[in-house]
Amino acid sequence: MRCREDADPNPKWRFGGLRRVGIDETSYKKRHKYITVVVNHDTGCVIWAHEGYGKEVLKRFLEGLSAGQRALIECYSADGSR
């Protein structure tokens, strides 16, 4: 946790001006664990990641945004997995 705070002392900046979002789920550790990654298509930066996949994990991302931030998002892209 401390390392993450040192590397990204103000994580809220990542969500400013968010308009186009990409979502992907990928496996790691020989396909036994999954991680969901969200990117800002306009900047090409990873803005959020969390262990797991599916609706509940994506719900965590969306709940982290304000209503105003969610309203600014014009499109989402994903690979069509569950």
PDB file of N, CA and C in Angstrom:
ATOM      1  N   MET A   1       0.826  -1.183   0.000  1.00  0.00           N
ATOM      2  CA  MET A   1       0.000   0.000   0.000  1.00  0.00           C
ATOM      3  C   MET A   1       0.876   1.255   0.000  1.00  0.00           C
ATOM      4  N   ARG A   2       1.916   1.275   0.822  1.00  0.00           N
ATOM      5  CA  ARG A   2       2.777   2.448   0.896  1.00  0.00           C
ATOM      6  C   ARG A   2       3.432   2.726  -0.445  1.00  0.00           C
ATOM      7  N   CYS A   3       3.874   1.677  -1.144  1.00  0.00           N
ATOM      8  CA  CYS A   3       4.520   1.868  -2.451  1.00  0.00           C
ATOM      9  C   CYS A   3       3.557   2.494  -3.442  1.00  0.00           C
ATOM     10  N   ARG A   4       2.297   2.046  -3.421  1.00  0.00           N
ATOM     11  CA  ARG A   4       1.312   2.611  -4.334  1.00  0.00           C
ATOM     12  C   ARG A   4       1.092   4.086  -4.025  1.00  0.00           C
ATOM     13  N   GLU A   5       1.042   4.452  -2.757  1.00  0.00           N
ATOM     14  CA  GLU A   5       0.864   5.852  -2.375  1.00  0.00           C
ATOM     15  C   GLU A   5       2.057   6.693  -2.808  1.00  0.00           C
ATOM     16  N   ASP A   6       3.259   6.141  -2.720  1.00  0.00           N
ATOM     17  CA  ASP A   6       4.452   6.864  -3.169  1.00  0.00           C
ATOM     18  C   ASP A   6       4.432   7.068  -4.684  1.00  0.00           C
ATOM     19  N   ALA A   7       4.009   6.049  -5.424  1.00  0.00           N
ATOM     20  CA  ALA A   7       4.009   6.124  -6.886  1.00  0.00           C
ATOM     21  C   ALA A   7       2.860   6.976  -7.422  1.00  0.00           C
ATOM     22  N   ASP A   8       1.769   7.022  -6.692  1.00  0.00           N
ATOM     23  CA  ASP A   8       0.570   7.732  -7.157  1.00  0.00           C
ATOM     24  C   ASP A   8      -0.069   8.448  -5.963  1.00  0.00           C
ATOM     25  N   PRO A   9       0.533   9.553  -5.505  1.00  0.00           N
ATOM     26  CA  PRO A   9       0.043  10.218  -4.298  1.00  0.00           C
ATOM     27  C   PRO A   9      -1.348  10.827  -4.437  1.00  0.00           C
ATOM     28  N   ASN A  10      -1.807  11.097  -5.652  1.00  0.00           N
ATOM     29  CA  ASN A  10      -3.130  11.680  -5.857  1.00  0.00           C
ATOM     30  C   ASN A  10      -3.867  10.880  -6.935  1.00  0.00           C
ATOM     31  N   PRO A  11      -4.397   9.698  -6.585  1.00  0.00           N
ATOM     32  CA  PRO A  11      -4.994   8.835  -7.610  1.00  0.00           C
ATOM     33  C   PRO A  11      -6.252   9.409  -8.254  1.00  0.00           C
ATOM     34  N   LYS A  12      -6.896  10.382  -7.654  1.00  0.00           N
ATOM     35  CA  LYS A  12      -8.132  10.940  -8.209  1.00  0.00           C
ATOM     36  C   LYS A  12      -7.902  11.637  -9.554  1.00  0.00           C
ATOM     37  N   TRP A  13      -6.671  12.098  -9.839  1.00  0.00           N
ATOM     38  CA  TRP A  13      -6.402  12.778 -11.110  1.00  0.00           C
ATOM     39  C   TRP A  13      -6.715  11.883 -12.303  1.00  0.00           C
ATOM     40  N   ARG A  14      -6.593  10.585 -12.108  1.00  0.00           N
ATOM     41  CA  ARG A  14      -6.789   9.654 -13.221  1.00  0.00           C
ATOM     42  C   ARG A  14      -8.206   9.684 -13.773  1.00  0.00           C
ATOM     43  N   PHE A  15      -9.175  10.088 -12.961  1.00  0.00           N
ATOM     44  CA  PHE A  15     -10.566  10.049 -13.383  1.00  0.00           C
ATOM     45  C   PHE A  15     -11.062  11.380 -13.950  1.00  0.00           C
ATOM     46  N   GLY A  16     -10.264  12.419 -13.917  1.00  0.00           N
ATOM     47  CA  GLY A  16     -10.666  13.715 -14.442  1.00  0.00           C
ATOM     48  C   GLY A  16     -10.782  13.700 -15.960  1.00  0.00           C
ATOM     49  N   GLY A  17     -11.873  14.222 -16.490  1.00  0.00           N
ATOM     50  CA  GLY A  17     -12.061  14.311 -17.937  1.00  0.00           C
ATOM     51  C   GLY A  17     -12.240  12.981 -18.626  1.00  0.00           C
ATOM     52  N   LEU A  18     -12.627  11.982 -17.905  1.00  0.00           N
ATOM     53  CA  LEU A  18     -12.782  10.637 -18.460  1.00  0.00           C
ATOM     54  C   LEU A  18     -13.971  10.608 -19.425  1.00  0.00           C
ATOM     55  N   ARG A  19     -13.704  10.236 -20.690  1.00  0.00           N
ATOM     56  CA  ARG A  19     -14.770  10.202 -21.699  1.00  0.00           C
ATOM     57  C   ARG A  19     -14.883   8.852 -22.397  1.00  0.00           C
ATOM     58  N   ARG A  20     -13.745   8.247 -22.721  1.00  0.00           N
ATOM     59  CA  ARG A  20     -13.754   6.956 -23.424  1.00  0.00           C
ATOM     60  C   ARG A  20     -12.966   5.940 -22.616  1.00  0.00           C
ATOM     61  N   VAL A  21     -13.615   4.840 -22.284  1.00  0.00           N
ATOM     62  CA  VAL A  21     -13.066   3.868 -21.348  1.00  0.00           C
ATOM     63  C   VAL A  21     -12.952   2.504 -22.011  1.00  0.00           C
ATOM     64  N   GLY A  22     -11.843   1.824 -21.774  1.00  0.00           N
ATOM     65  CA  GLY A  22     -11.657   0.455 -22.238  1.00  0.00           C
ATOM     66  C   GLY A  22     -11.552  -0.478 -21.043  1.00  0.00           C
ATOM     67  N   ILE A  23     -12.200  -1.622 -21.139  1.00  0.00           N
ATOM     68  CA  ILE A  23     -12.231  -2.584 -20.032  1.00  0.00           C
ATOM     69  C   ILE A  23     -11.768  -3.934 -20.557  1.00  0.00           C
ATOM     70  N   ASP A  24     -10.862  -4.578 -19.828  1.00  0.00           N
ATOM     71  CA  ASP A  24     -10.423  -5.913 -20.215  1.00  0.00           C
ATOM     72  C   ASP A  24     -10.154  -6.726 -18.961  1.00  0.00           C
ATOM     73  N   GLU A  25     -10.408  -8.010 -19.090  1.00  0.00           N
ATOM     74  CA  GLU A  25     -10.120  -8.954 -18.007  1.00  0.00           C
ATOM     75  C   GLU A  25      -9.052  -9.902 -18.517  1.00  0.00           C
ATOM     76  N   THR A  26      -8.079 -10.182 -17.700  1.00  0.00           N
ATOM     77  CA  THR A  26      -7.014 -11.081 -18.128  1.00  0.00           C
ATOM     78  C   THR A  26      -6.625 -11.999 -16.974  1.00  0.00           C
ATOM     79  N   SER A  27      -6.084 -13.136 -17.317  1.00  0.00           N
ATOM     80  CA  SER A  27      -5.662 -14.087 -16.289  1.00  0.00           C
ATOM     81  C   SER A  27      -4.167 -13.954 -16.044  1.00  0.00           C
ATOM     82  N   TYR A  28      -3.756 -14.336 -14.862  1.00  0.00           N
ATOM     83  CA  TYR A  28      -2.341 -14.386 -14.516  1.00  0.00           C
ATOM     84  C   TYR A  28      -2.136 -15.568 -13.579  1.00  0.00           C
ATOM     85  N   LYS A  29      -0.921 -15.862 -13.248  1.00  0.00           N
ATOM     86  CA  LYS A  29      -0.577 -17.036 -12.430  1.00  0.00           C
ATOM     87  C   LYS A  29      -1.124 -18.316 -13.068  1.00  0.00           C
ATOM     88  N   LYS A  30      -0.693 -18.565 -14.303  1.00  0.00           N
ATOM     89  CA  LYS A  30      -1.068 -19.773 -15.038  1.00  0.00           C
ATOM     90  C   LYS A  30      -2.579 -19.942 -15.135  1.00  0.00           C
ATOM     91  N   ARG A  31      -3.256 -18.814 -15.415  1.00  0.00           N
ATOM     92  CA  ARG A  31      -4.701 -18.790 -15.658  1.00  0.00           C
ATOM     93  C   ARG A  31      -5.547 -19.159 -14.442  1.00  0.00           C
ATOM     94  N   HIS A  32      -5.017 -19.026 -13.252  1.00  0.00           N
ATOM     95  CA  HIS A  32      -5.787 -19.354 -12.055  1.00  0.00           C
ATOM     96  C   HIS A  32      -6.369 -18.127 -11.369  1.00  0.00           C
ATOM     97  N   LYS A  33      -5.872 -16.949 -11.698  1.00  0.00           N
ATOM     98  CA  LYS A  33      -6.375 -15.717 -11.102  1.00  0.00           C
ATOM     99  C   LYS A  33      -6.650 -14.717 -12.217  1.00  0.00           C
ATOM    100  N   TYR A  34      -7.587 -13.818 -11.955  1.00  0.00           N
ATOM    101  CA  TYR A  34      -7.969 -12.837 -12.958  1.00  0.00           C
ATOM    102  C   TYR A  34      -7.836 -11.421 -12.403  1.00  0.00           C
ATOM    103  N   ILE A  35      -7.664 -10.476 -13.328  1.00  0.00           N
ATOM    104  CA  ILE A  35      -7.616  -9.067 -12.979  1.00  0.00           C
ATOM    105  C   ILE A  35      -8.405  -8.300 -14.042  1.00  0.00           C
ATOM    106  N   THR A  36      -9.155  -7.305 -13.594  1.00  0.00           N
ATOM    107  CA  THR A  36      -9.886  -6.417 -14.496  1.00  0.00           C
ATOM    108  C   THR A  36      -9.116  -5.109 -14.573  1.00  0.00           C
ATOM    109  N   VAL A  37      -8.863  -4.649 -15.780  1.00  0.00           N
ATOM    110  CA  VAL A  37      -8.087  -3.432 -16.015  1.00  0.00           C
ATOM    111  C   VAL A  37      -8.953  -2.451 -16.798  1.00  0.00           C
ATOM    112  N   VAL A  38      -8.950  -1.192 -16.359  1.00  0.00           N
ATOM    113  CA  VAL A  38      -9.699  -0.134 -17.034  1.00  0.00           C
ATOM    114  C   VAL A  38      -8.698   0.910 -17.512  1.00  0.00           C
ATOM    115  N   VAL A  39      -8.818   1.295 -18.784  1.00  0.00           N
ATOM    116  CA  VAL A  39      -7.917   2.294 -19.364  1.00  0.00           C
ATOM    117  C   VAL A  39      -8.711   3.489 -19.872  1.00  0.00           C
ATOM    118  N   ASN A  40      -8.036   4.629 -19.893  1.00  0.00           N
ATOM    119  CA  ASN A  40      -8.575   5.834 -20.502  1.00  0.00           C
ATOM    120  C   ASN A  40      -8.070   5.834 -21.945  1.00  0.00           C
ATOM    121  N   HIS A  41      -8.976   5.683 -22.909  1.00  0.00           N
ATOM    122  CA  HIS A  41      -8.550   5.617 -24.310  1.00  0.00           C
ATOM    123  C   HIS A  41      -7.925   6.929 -24.783  1.00  0.00           C
ATOM    124  N   ASP A  42      -8.307   8.045 -24.205  1.00  0.00           N
ATOM    125  CA  ASP A  42      -7.773   9.333 -24.643  1.00  0.00           C
ATOM    126  C   ASP A  42      -6.317   9.541 -24.227  1.00  0.00           C
ATOM    127  N   THR A  43      -5.942   9.015 -23.067  1.00  0.00           N
ATOM    128  CA  THR A  43      -4.567   9.182 -22.596  1.00  0.00           C
ATOM    129  C   THR A  43      -3.725   7.926 -22.778  1.00  0.00           C
ATOM    130  N   GLY A  44      -4.378   6.777 -22.939  1.00  0.00           N
ATOM    131  CA  GLY A  44      -3.656   5.518 -23.056  1.00  0.00           C
ATOM    132  C   GLY A  44      -3.146   4.993 -21.725  1.00  0.00           C
ATOM    133  N   CYS A  45      -3.642   5.553 -20.636  1.00  0.00           N
ATOM    134  CA  CYS A  45      -3.173   5.172 -19.294  1.00  0.00           C
ATOM    135  C   CYS A  45      -4.144   4.226 -18.601  1.00  0.00           C
ATOM    136  N   VAL A  46      -3.574   3.304 -17.845  1.00  0.00           N
ATOM    137  CA  VAL A  46      -4.389   2.481 -16.952  1.00  0.00           C
ATOM    138  C   VAL A  46      -4.865   3.398 -15.827  1.00  0.00           C
ATOM    139  N   ILE A  47      -6.172   3.404 -15.580  1.00  0.00           N
ATOM    140  CA  ILE A  47      -6.702   4.274 -14.535  1.00  0.00           C
ATOM    141  C   ILE A  47      -7.223   3.492 -13.347  1.00  0.00           C
ATOM    142  N   TRP A  48      -7.424   2.189 -13.527  1.00  0.00           N
ATOM    143  CA  TRP A  48      -7.964   1.392 -12.431  1.00  0.00           C
ATOM    144  C   TRP A  48      -7.717  -0.077 -12.716  1.00  0.00           C
ATOM    145  N   ALA A  49      -7.448  -0.857 -11.696  1.00  0.00           N
ATOM    146  CA  ALA A  49      -7.298  -2.311 -11.828  1.00  0.00           C
ATOM    147  C   ALA A  49      -7.717  -2.950 -10.508  1.00  0.00           C
ATOM    148  N   HIS A  50      -8.299  -4.142 -10.618  1.00  0.00           N
ATOM    149  CA  HIS A  50      -8.735  -4.842  -9.414  1.00  0.00           C
ATOM    150  C   HIS A  50      -8.722  -6.339  -9.684  1.00  0.00           C
ATOM    151  N   GLU A  51      -8.366  -7.101  -8.674  1.00  0.00           N
ATOM    152  CA  GLU A  51      -8.363  -8.548  -8.801  1.00  0.00           C
ATOM    153  C   GLU A  51      -9.788  -9.046  -9.003  1.00  0.00           C
ATOM    154  N   GLY A  52      -9.943 -10.022  -9.891  1.00  0.00           N
ATOM    155  CA  GLY A  52     -11.249 -10.611 -10.166  1.00  0.00           C
ATOM    156  C   GLY A  52     -11.801 -10.144 -11.498  1.00  0.00           C
ATOM    157  N   TYR A  53     -13.023 -10.593 -11.804  1.00  0.00           N
ATOM    158  CA  TYR A  53     -13.676 -10.209 -13.046  1.00  0.00           C
ATOM    159  C   TYR A  53     -15.183 -10.300 -12.860  1.00  0.00           C
ATOM    160  N   GLY A  54     -15.902  -9.750 -13.802  1.00  0.00           N
ATOM    161  CA  GLY A  54     -17.356  -9.842 -13.779  1.00  0.00           C
ATOM    162  C   GLY A  54     -18.021  -8.561 -13.308  1.00  0.00           C
ATOM    163  N   LYS A  55     -19.346  -8.647 -13.193  1.00  0.00           N
ATOM    164  CA  LYS A  55     -20.163  -7.484 -12.872  1.00  0.00           C
ATOM    165  C   LYS A  55     -19.814  -6.858 -11.524  1.00  0.00           C
ATOM    166  N   GLU A  56     -19.536  -7.664 -10.540  1.00  0.00           N
ATOM    167  CA  GLU A  56     -19.254  -7.119  -9.203  1.00  0.00           C
ATOM    168  C   GLU A  56     -17.970  -6.292  -9.186  1.00  0.00           C
ATOM    169  N   VAL A  57     -16.966  -6.733  -9.912  1.00  0.00           N
ATOM    170  CA  VAL A  57     -15.709  -5.980  -9.970  1.00  0.00           C
ATOM    171  C   VAL A  57     -15.920  -4.681 -10.740  1.00  0.00           C
ATOM    172  N   LEU A  58     -16.616  -4.753 -11.863  1.00  0.00           N
ATOM    173  CA  LEU A  58     -16.881  -3.543 -12.638  1.00  0.00           C
ATOM    174  C   LEU A  58     -17.742  -2.559 -11.845  1.00  0.00           C
ATOM    175  N   LYS A  59     -18.652  -3.082 -11.047  1.00  0.00           N
ATOM    176  CA  LYS A  59     -19.479  -2.236 -10.184  1.00  0.00           C
ATOM    177  C   LYS A  59     -18.607  -1.439  -9.213  1.00  0.00           C
ATOM    178  N   ARG A  60     -17.542  -2.046  -8.701  1.00  0.00           N
ATOM    179  CA  ARG A  60     -16.613  -1.334  -7.806  1.00  0.00           C
ATOM    180  C   ARG A  60     -15.988  -0.125  -8.499  1.00  0.00           C
ATOM    181  N   PHE A  61     -15.608  -0.298  -9.770  1.00  0.00           N
ATOM    182  CA  PHE A  61     -15.039   0.814 -10.523  1.00  0.00           C
ATOM    183  C   PHE A  61     -16.060   1.937 -10.664  1.00  0.00           C
ATOM    184  N   LEU A  62     -17.253   1.586 -11.105  1.00  0.00           N
ATOM    185  CA  LEU A  62     -18.280   2.602 -11.342  1.00  0.00           C
ATOM    186  C   LEU A  62     -18.691   3.318 -10.056  1.00  0.00           C
ATOM    187  N   GLU A  63     -18.724   2.601  -8.949  1.00  0.00           N
ATOM    188  CA  GLU A  63     -19.076   3.225  -7.669  1.00  0.00           C
ATOM    189  C   GLU A  63     -17.993   4.192  -7.203  1.00  0.00           C
ATOM    190  N   GLY A  64     -16.782   4.043  -7.714  1.00  0.00           N
ATOM    191  CA  GLY A  64     -15.691   4.948  -7.364  1.00  0.00           C
ATOM    192  C   GLY A  64     -15.757   6.276  -8.102  1.00  0.00           C
ATOM    193  N   LEU A  65     -16.616   6.355  -9.102  1.00  0.00           N
ATOM    194  CA  LEU A  65     -16.794   7.591  -9.860  1.00  0.00           C
ATOM    195  C   LEU A  65     -17.985   8.366  -9.311  1.00  0.00           C
ATOM    196  N   SER A  66     -17.920   9.665  -9.408  1.00  0.00           N
ATOM    197  CA  SER A  66     -19.075  10.480  -9.021  1.00  0.00           C
ATOM    198  C   SER A  66     -20.133  10.388 -10.116  1.00  0.00           C
ATOM    199  N   ALA A  67     -21.345  10.818  -9.805  1.00  0.00           N
ATOM    200  CA  ALA A  67     -22.420  10.822 -10.808  1.00  0.00           C
ATOM    201  C   ALA A  67     -22.028  11.705 -11.989  1.00  0.00           C
ATOM    202  N   GLY A  68     -21.372  12.818 -11.717  1.00  0.00           N
ATOM    203  CA  GLY A  68     -20.927  13.711 -12.784  1.00  0.00           C
ATOM    204  C   GLY A  68     -19.882  13.067 -13.672  1.00  0.00           C
ATOM    205  N   GLN A  69     -18.957  12.327 -13.082  1.00  0.00           N
ATOM    206  CA  GLN A  69     -17.933  11.640 -13.870  1.00  0.00           C
ATOM    207  C   GLN A  69     -18.563  10.565 -14.746  1.00  0.00           C
ATOM    208  N   ARG A  70     -19.502   9.808 -14.185  1.00  0.00           N
ATOM    209  CA  ARG A  70     -20.177   8.769 -14.974  1.00  0.00           C
ATOM    210  C   ARG A  70     -20.950   9.378 -16.140  1.00  0.00           C
ATOM    211  N   ALA A  71     -21.551  10.547 -15.924  1.00  0.00           N
ATOM    212  CA  ALA A  71     -22.341  11.200 -16.975  1.00  0.00           C
ATOM    213  C   ALA A  71     -21.465  11.666 -18.134  1.00  0.00           C
ATOM    214  N   LEU A  72     -20.190  11.957 -17.884  1.00  0.00           N
ATOM    215  CA  LEU A  72     -19.289  12.436 -18.936  1.00  0.00           C
ATOM    216  C   LEU A  72     -18.783  11.326 -19.854  1.00  0.00           C
ATOM    217  N   ILE A  73     -18.897  10.076 -19.419  1.00  0.00           N
ATOM    218  CA  ILE A  73     -18.379   8.970 -20.221  1.00  0.00           C
ATOM    219  C   ILE A  73     -19.267   8.762 -21.437  1.00  0.00           C
ATOM    220  N   GLU A  74     -18.653   8.873 -22.616  1.00  0.00           N
ATOM    221  CA  GLU A  74     -19.365   8.759 -23.884  1.00  0.00           C
ATOM    222  C   GLU A  74     -19.447   7.325 -24.382  1.00  0.00           C
ATOM    223  N   CYS A  75     -18.395   6.548 -24.156  1.00  0.00           N
ATOM    224  CA  CYS A  75     -18.431   5.165 -24.632  1.00  0.00           C
ATOM    225  C   CYS A  75     -17.487   4.280 -23.813  1.00  0.00           C
ATOM    226  N   TYR A  76     -17.866   3.014 -23.780  1.00  0.00           N
ATOM    227  CA  TYR A  76     -17.074   1.969 -23.158  1.00  0.00           C
ATOM    228  C   TYR A  76     -16.740   0.963 -24.248  1.00  0.00           C
ATOM    229  N   SER A  77     -15.552   0.389 -24.183  1.00  0.00           N
ATOM    230  CA  SER A  77     -15.237  -0.727 -25.076  1.00  0.00           C
ATOM    231  C   SER A  77     -14.770  -1.893 -24.224  1.00  0.00           C
ATOM    232  N   ALA A  78     -15.150  -3.079 -24.647  1.00  0.00           N
ATOM    233  CA  ALA A  78     -14.772  -4.299 -23.945  1.00  0.00           C
ATOM    234  C   ALA A  78     -14.727  -5.430 -24.973  1.00  0.00           C
ATOM    235  N   ASP A  79     -14.128  -6.532 -24.592  1.00  0.00           N
ATOM    236  CA  ASP A  79     -13.958  -7.642 -25.544  1.00  0.00           C
ATOM    237  C   ASP A  79     -15.157  -8.563 -25.617  1.00  0.00           C
ATOM    238  N   GLY A  80     -16.189  -8.314 -24.862  1.00  0.00           N
ATOM    239  CA  GLY A  80     -17.395  -9.112 -24.949  1.00  0.00           C
ATOM    240  C   GLY A  80     -17.409 -10.337 -24.070  1.00  0.00           C
ATOM    241  N   SER A  81     -16.451 -10.468 -23.162  1.00  0.00           N
ATOM    242  CA  SER A  81     -16.496 -11.609 -22.249  1.00  0.00           C
ATOM    243  C   SER A  81     -17.609 -11.404 -21.239  1.00  0.00           C
ATOM    244  N   ARG A  82     -17.880 -12.418 -20.440  1.00  0.00           N
ATOM    245  CA  ARG A  82     -18.966 -12.325 -19.476  1.00  0.00           C
ATOM    246  C   ARG A  82     -18.816 -11.097 -18.627  1.00  0.00           C
TER     247      ARG A  82
END
